[in-house]
Amino acid sequence: GCPYDNAVDESTYRSFKLEFINQETCQSLEELTLKTKDYVHRWNHHRIHGSLDYQTPMVKRVIA
């Protein structure tokens, strides 16, 4: 319901599209599934986010 939620959703989708969809090719649904899981893991555990004080989502969750 909050306009900020929509902005975060749009930013996340844009990043996913630019960093993953436009960069990857997959030969099968299994390969797509594996690469998507790898990307989401990297997003949550390794990729720092400016909106989270330049921390990963998992680090921010532990601190909060």
PDB file of N, CA and C in Angstrom:
ATOM      1  N   GLY A   1       0.777  -1.188   0.000  1.00  0.00           N
ATOM      2  CA  GLY A   1       0.000   0.000   0.000  1.00  0.00           C
ATOM      3  C   GLY A   1       0.829   1.266   0.000  1.00  0.00           C
ATOM      4  N   CYS A   2       2.020   1.230   0.520  1.00  0.00           N
ATOM      5  CA  CYS A   2       2.854   2.431   0.628  1.00  0.00           C
ATOM      6  C   CYS A   2       3.546   2.720  -0.707  1.00  0.00           C
ATOM      7  N   PRO A   3       3.563   3.995  -1.148  1.00  0.00           N
ATOM      8  CA  PRO A   3       4.240   4.328  -2.410  1.00  0.00           C
ATOM      9  C   PRO A   3       5.715   3.912  -2.412  1.00  0.00           C
ATOM     10  N   TYR A   4       6.360   3.946  -1.240  1.00  0.00           N
ATOM     11  CA  TYR A   4       7.757   3.525  -1.151  1.00  0.00           C
ATOM     12  C   TYR A   4       7.903   2.054  -1.529  1.00  0.00           C
ATOM     13  N   ASP A   5       6.925   1.218  -1.128  1.00  0.00           N
ATOM     14  CA  ASP A   5       6.960  -0.206  -1.489  1.00  0.00           C
ATOM     15  C   ASP A   5       6.999  -0.379  -3.003  1.00  0.00           C
ATOM     16  N   ASN A   6       6.189   0.408  -3.719  1.00  0.00           N
ATOM     17  CA  ASN A   6       6.175   0.322  -5.180  1.00  0.00           C
ATOM     18  C   ASN A   6       7.509   0.736  -5.771  1.00  0.00           C
ATOM     19  N   ALA A   7       8.141   1.752  -5.203  1.00  0.00           N
ATOM     20  CA  ALA A   7       9.449   2.202  -5.693  1.00  0.00           C
ATOM     21  C   ALA A   7      10.500   1.112  -5.485  1.00  0.00           C
ATOM     22  N   VAL A   8      10.463   0.459  -4.328  1.00  0.00           N
ATOM     23  CA  VAL A   8      11.409  -0.627  -4.050  1.00  0.00           C
ATOM     24  C   VAL A   8      11.169  -1.788  -5.011  1.00  0.00           C
ATOM     25  N   ASP A   9       9.906  -2.131  -5.225  1.00  0.00           N
ATOM     26  CA  ASP A   9       9.577  -3.211  -6.158  1.00  0.00           C
ATOM     27  C   ASP A   9      10.097  -2.908  -7.555  1.00  0.00           C
ATOM     28  N   GLU A  10       9.874  -1.694  -8.024  1.00  0.00           N
ATOM     29  CA  GLU A  10      10.321  -1.309  -9.361  1.00  0.00           C
ATOM     30  C   GLU A  10      11.837  -1.327  -9.461  1.00  0.00           C
ATOM     31  N   SER A  11      12.510  -0.862  -8.428  1.00  0.00           N
ATOM     32  CA  SER A  11      13.974  -0.856  -8.418  1.00  0.00           C
ATOM     33  C   SER A  11      14.525  -2.279  -8.421  1.00  0.00           C
ATOM     34  N   THR A  12      13.918  -3.152  -7.635  1.00  0.00           N
ATOM     35  CA  THR A  12      14.352  -4.549  -7.576  1.00  0.00           C
ATOM     36  C   THR A  12      14.137  -5.234  -8.915  1.00  0.00           C
ATOM     37  N   TYR A  13      12.966  -5.026  -9.508  1.00  0.00           N
ATOM     38  CA  TYR A  13      12.681  -5.629 -10.812  1.00  0.00           C
ATOM     39  C   TYR A  13      13.646  -5.107 -11.869  1.00  0.00           C
ATOM     40  N   ARG A  14      13.923  -3.812 -11.854  1.00  0.00           N
ATOM     41  CA  ARG A  14      14.845  -3.219 -12.826  1.00  0.00           C
ATOM     42  C   ARG A  14      16.242  -3.838 -12.677  1.00  0.00           C
ATOM     43  N   SER A  15      16.712  -3.958 -11.446  1.00  0.00           N
ATOM     44  CA  SER A  15      18.022  -4.563 -11.204  1.00  0.00           C
ATOM     45  C   SER A  15      18.055  -6.008 -11.673  1.00  0.00           C
ATOM     46  N   PHE A  16      17.007  -6.768 -11.358  1.00  0.00           N
ATOM     47  CA  PHE A  16      16.924  -8.162 -11.776  1.00  0.00           C
ATOM     48  C   PHE A  16      16.978  -8.265 -13.301  1.00  0.00           C
ATOM     49  N   LYS A  17      16.252  -7.388 -13.958  1.00  0.00           N
ATOM     50  CA  LYS A  17      16.217  -7.404 -15.418  1.00  0.00           C
ATOM     51  C   LYS A  17      17.588  -7.048 -16.001  1.00  0.00           C
ATOM     52  N   LEU A  18      18.215  -5.992 -15.490  1.00  0.00           N
ATOM     53  CA  LEU A  18      19.508  -5.549 -16.027  1.00  0.00           C
ATOM     54  C   LEU A  18      20.642  -6.511 -15.691  1.00  0.00           C
ATOM     55  N   GLU A  19      20.661  -7.019 -14.460  1.00  0.00           N
ATOM     56  CA  GLU A  19      21.784  -7.838 -14.001  1.00  0.00           C
ATOM     57  C   GLU A  19      21.629  -9.320 -14.326  1.00  0.00           C
ATOM     58  N   PHE A  20      20.411  -9.780 -14.500  1.00  0.00           N
ATOM     59  CA  PHE A  20      20.216 -11.213 -14.701  1.00  0.00           C
ATOM     60  C   PHE A  20      19.570 -11.529 -16.043  1.00  0.00           C
ATOM     61  N   ILE A  21      18.372 -11.068 -16.256  1.00  0.00           N
ATOM     62  CA  ILE A  21      17.630 -11.448 -17.461  1.00  0.00           C
ATOM     63  C   ILE A  21      18.374 -11.069 -18.728  1.00  0.00           C
ATOM     64  N   ASN A  22      18.899  -9.845 -18.780  1.00  0.00           N
ATOM     65  CA  ASN A  22      19.580  -9.383 -19.992  1.00  0.00           C
ATOM     66  C   ASN A  22      20.981  -9.963 -20.156  1.00  0.00           C
ATOM     67  N   GLN A  23      21.505 -10.633 -19.126  1.00  0.00           N
ATOM     68  CA  GLN A  23      22.872 -11.144 -19.171  1.00  0.00           C
ATOM     69  C   GLN A  23      22.959 -12.665 -19.360  1.00  0.00           C
ATOM     70  N   GLU A  24      21.883 -13.364 -19.084  1.00  0.00           N
ATOM     71  CA  GLU A  24      21.916 -14.831 -19.068  1.00  0.00           C
ATOM     72  C   GLU A  24      21.157 -15.444 -20.248  1.00  0.00           C
ATOM     73  N   THR A  25      21.630 -16.591 -20.681  1.00  0.00           N
ATOM     74  CA  THR A  25      20.885 -17.433 -21.608  1.00  0.00           C
ATOM     75  C   THR A  25      20.816 -18.824 -20.990  1.00  0.00           C
ATOM     76  N   CYS A  26      19.694 -19.471 -21.161  1.00  0.00           N
ATOM     77  CA  CYS A  26      19.494 -20.789 -20.570  1.00  0.00           C
ATOM     78  C   CYS A  26      18.990 -21.750 -21.640  1.00  0.00           C
ATOM     79  N   GLN A  27      19.455 -22.960 -21.552  1.00  0.00           N
ATOM     80  CA  GLN A  27      19.070 -23.988 -22.514  1.00  0.00           C
ATOM     81  C   GLN A  27      17.909 -24.843 -22.033  1.00  0.00           C
ATOM     82  N   SER A  28      17.585 -24.730 -20.739  1.00  0.00           N
ATOM     83  CA  SER A  28      16.492 -25.543 -20.209  1.00  0.00           C
ATOM     84  C   SER A  28      15.871 -24.841 -19.009  1.00  0.00           C
ATOM     85  N   LEU A  29      14.695 -25.324 -18.627  1.00  0.00           N
ATOM     86  CA  LEU A  29      14.031 -24.785 -17.451  1.00  0.00           C
ATOM     87  C   LEU A  29      14.856 -25.078 -16.194  1.00  0.00           C
ATOM     88  N   GLU A  30      15.485 -26.226 -16.137  1.00  0.00           N
ATOM     89  CA  GLU A  30      16.340 -26.572 -14.991  1.00  0.00           C
ATOM     90  C   GLU A  30      17.503 -25.601 -14.866  1.00  0.00           C
ATOM     91  N   GLU A  31      18.129 -25.268 -15.983  1.00  0.00           N
ATOM     92  CA  GLU A  31      19.241 -24.319 -15.960  1.00  0.00           C
ATOM     93  C   GLU A  31      18.758 -22.938 -15.515  1.00  0.00           C
ATOM     94  N   LEU A  32      17.612 -22.512 -16.012  1.00  0.00           N
ATOM     95  CA  LEU A  32      17.035 -21.229 -15.603  1.00  0.00           C
ATOM     96  C   LEU A  32      16.757 -21.219 -14.108  1.00  0.00           C
ATOM     97  N   THR A  33      16.181 -22.301 -13.602  1.00  0.00           N
ATOM     98  CA  THR A  33      15.884 -22.402 -12.173  1.00  0.00           C
ATOM     99  C   THR A  33      17.148 -22.293 -11.338  1.00  0.00           C
ATOM    100  N   LEU A  34      18.184 -23.021 -11.703  1.00  0.00           N
ATOM    101  CA  LEU A  34      19.445 -23.000 -10.972  1.00  0.00           C
ATOM    102  C   LEU A  34      20.081 -21.614 -11.009  1.00  0.00           C
ATOM    103  N   LYS A  35      20.139 -21.000 -12.181  1.00  0.00           N
ATOM    104  CA  LYS A  35      20.741 -19.670 -12.303  1.00  0.00           C
ATOM    105  C   LYS A  35      19.944 -18.625 -11.532  1.00  0.00           C
ATOM    106  N   THR A  36      18.620 -18.763 -11.520  1.00  0.00           N
ATOM    107  CA  THR A  36      17.787 -17.817 -10.766  1.00  0.00           C
ATOM    108  C   THR A  36      18.048 -17.962  -9.276  1.00  0.00           C
ATOM    109  N   LYS A  37      18.129 -19.190  -8.784  1.00  0.00           N
ATOM    110  CA  LYS A  37      18.425 -19.413  -7.365  1.00  0.00           C
ATOM    111  C   LYS A  37      19.796 -18.856  -6.999  1.00  0.00           C
ATOM    112  N   ASP A  38      20.780 -19.043  -7.865  1.00  0.00           N
ATOM    113  CA  ASP A  38      22.111 -18.495  -7.624  1.00  0.00           C
ATOM    114  C   ASP A  38      22.079 -16.972  -7.568  1.00  0.00           C
ATOM    115  N   TYR A  39      21.329 -16.354  -8.475  1.00  0.00           N
ATOM    116  CA  TYR A  39      21.234 -14.903  -8.511  1.00  0.00           C
ATOM    117  C   TYR A  39      20.572 -14.374  -7.231  1.00  0.00           C
ATOM    118  N   VAL A  40      19.475 -14.994  -6.820  1.00  0.00           N
ATOM    119  CA  VAL A  40      18.772 -14.552  -5.617  1.00  0.00           C
ATOM    120  C   VAL A  40      19.664 -14.716  -4.392  1.00  0.00           C
ATOM    121  N   HIS A  41      20.428 -15.801  -4.330  1.00  0.00           N
ATOM    122  CA  HIS A  41      21.352 -16.000  -3.216  1.00  0.00           C
ATOM    123  C   HIS A  41      22.412 -14.893  -3.197  1.00  0.00           C
ATOM    124  N   ARG A  42      22.968 -14.600  -4.358  1.00  0.00           N
ATOM    125  CA  ARG A  42      23.971 -13.527  -4.438  1.00  0.00           C
ATOM    126  C   ARG A  42      23.353 -12.194  -4.030  1.00  0.00           C
ATOM    127  N   TRP A  43      22.127 -11.941  -4.496  1.00  0.00           N
ATOM    128  CA  TRP A  43      21.423 -10.692  -4.177  1.00  0.00           C
ATOM    129  C   TRP A  43      21.263 -10.531  -2.658  1.00  0.00           C
ATOM    130  N   ASN A  44      20.894 -11.598  -1.981  1.00  0.00           N
ATOM    131  CA  ASN A  44      20.611 -11.529  -0.553  1.00  0.00           C
ATOM    132  C   ASN A  44      21.842 -11.619   0.339  1.00  0.00           C
ATOM    133  N   HIS A  45      22.875 -12.324  -0.114  1.00  0.00           N
ATOM    134  CA  HIS A  45      24.009 -12.605   0.761  1.00  0.00           C
ATOM    135  C   HIS A  45      25.300 -11.872   0.387  1.00  0.00           C
ATOM    136  N   HIS A  46      25.430 -11.395  -0.840  1.00  0.00           N
ATOM    137  CA  HIS A  46      26.706 -10.817  -1.270  1.00  0.00           C
ATOM    138  C   HIS A  46      26.606  -9.419  -1.862  1.00  0.00           C
ATOM    139  N   ARG A  47      25.489  -9.087  -2.456  1.00  0.00           N
ATOM    140  CA  ARG A  47      25.347  -7.788  -3.143  1.00  0.00           C
ATOM    141  C   ARG A  47      24.953  -6.722  -2.130  1.00  0.00           C
ATOM    142  N   ILE A  48      25.786  -5.677  -2.018  1.00  0.00           N
ATOM    143  CA  ILE A  48      25.453  -4.593  -1.104  1.00  0.00           C
ATOM    144  C   ILE A  48      24.410  -3.685  -1.747  1.00  0.00           C
ATOM    145  N   HIS A  49      23.594  -3.075  -0.906  1.00  0.00           N
ATOM    146  CA  HIS A  49      22.500  -2.225  -1.373  1.00  0.00           C
ATOM    147  C   HIS A  49      22.628  -0.847  -0.722  1.00  0.00           C
ATOM    148  N   GLY A  50      22.648   0.178  -1.541  1.00  0.00           N
ATOM    149  CA  GLY A  50      22.747   1.535  -1.035  1.00  0.00           C
ATOM    150  C   GLY A  50      21.606   1.890  -0.099  1.00  0.00           C
ATOM    151  N   SER A  51      20.409   1.394  -0.395  1.00  0.00           N
ATOM    152  CA  SER A  51      19.244   1.700   0.437  1.00  0.00           C
ATOM    153  C   SER A  51      19.303   1.009   1.798  1.00  0.00           C
ATOM    154  N   LEU A  52      20.235   0.072   1.967  1.00  0.00           N
ATOM    155  CA  LEU A  52      20.404  -0.644   3.237  1.00  0.00           C
ATOM    156  C   LEU A  52      21.708  -0.246   3.917  1.00  0.00           C
ATOM    157  N   ASP A  53      22.107   0.997   3.749  1.00  0.00           N
ATOM    158  CA  ASP A  53      23.371   1.505   4.315  1.00  0.00           C
ATOM    159  C   ASP A  53      24.567   0.701   3.822  1.00  0.00           C
ATOM    160  N   TYR A  54      24.528   0.311   2.561  1.00  0.00           N
ATOM    161  CA  TYR A  54      25.609  -0.424   1.894  1.00  0.00           C
ATOM    162  C   TYR A  54      25.946  -1.734   2.606  1.00  0.00           C
ATOM    163  N   GLN A  55      24.870  -2.434   2.982  1.00  0.00           N
ATOM    164  CA  GLN A  55      24.988  -3.765   3.559  1.00  0.00           C
ATOM    165  C   GLN A  55      24.168  -4.723   2.704  1.00  0.00           C
ATOM    166  N   THR A  56      24.382  -6.013   2.899  1.00  0.00           N
ATOM    167  CA  THR A  56      23.549  -6.996   2.215  1.00  0.00           C
ATOM    168  C   THR A  56      22.227  -7.120   2.970  1.00  0.00           C
ATOM    169  N   PRO A  57      21.167  -7.574   2.297  1.00  0.00           N
ATOM    170  CA  PRO A  57      19.892  -7.749   3.003  1.00  0.00           C
ATOM    171  C   PRO A  57      20.000  -8.683   4.207  1.00  0.00           C
ATOM    172  N   MET A  58      20.785  -9.735   4.109  1.00  0.00           N
ATOM    173  CA  MET A  58      20.893 -10.681   5.223  1.00  0.00           C
ATOM    174  C   MET A  58      21.603 -10.058   6.420  1.00  0.00           C
ATOM    175  N   VAL A  59      22.644  -9.272   6.177  1.00  0.00           N
ATOM    176  CA  VAL A  59      23.337  -8.590   7.279  1.00  0.00           C
ATOM    177  C   VAL A  59      22.383  -7.591   7.922  1.00  0.00           C
ATOM    178  N   LYS A  60      21.673  -6.843   7.117  1.00  0.00           N
ATOM    179  CA  LYS A  60      20.720  -5.856   7.639  1.00  0.00           C
ATOM    180  C   LYS A  60      19.637  -6.537   8.475  1.00  0.00           C
ATOM    181  N   ARG A  61      19.163  -7.700   8.041  1.00  0.00           N
ATOM    182  CA  ARG A  61      18.126  -8.429   8.773  1.00  0.00           C
ATOM    183  C   ARG A  61      18.648  -8.894  10.150  1.00  0.00           C
ATOM    184  N   VAL A  62      19.894  -9.351  10.208  1.00  0.00           N
ATOM    185  CA  VAL A  62      20.476  -9.820  11.462  1.00  0.00           C
ATOM    186  C   VAL A  62      20.647  -8.650  12.434  1.00  0.00           C
ATOM    187  N   ILE A  63      21.048  -7.509  11.913  1.00  0.00           N
ATOM    188  CA  ILE A  63      21.277  -6.332  12.763  1.00  0.00           C
ATOM    189  C   ILE A  63      19.965  -5.764  13.280  1.00  0.00           C
ATOM    190  N   ALA A  64      18.918  -5.803  12.464  1.00  0.00           N
ATOM    191  CA  ALA A  64      17.631  -5.173  12.828  1.00  0.00           C
ATOM    192  C   ALA A  64      16.917  -5.863  13.948  1.00  0.00           C
TER     193      ALA A  64
END
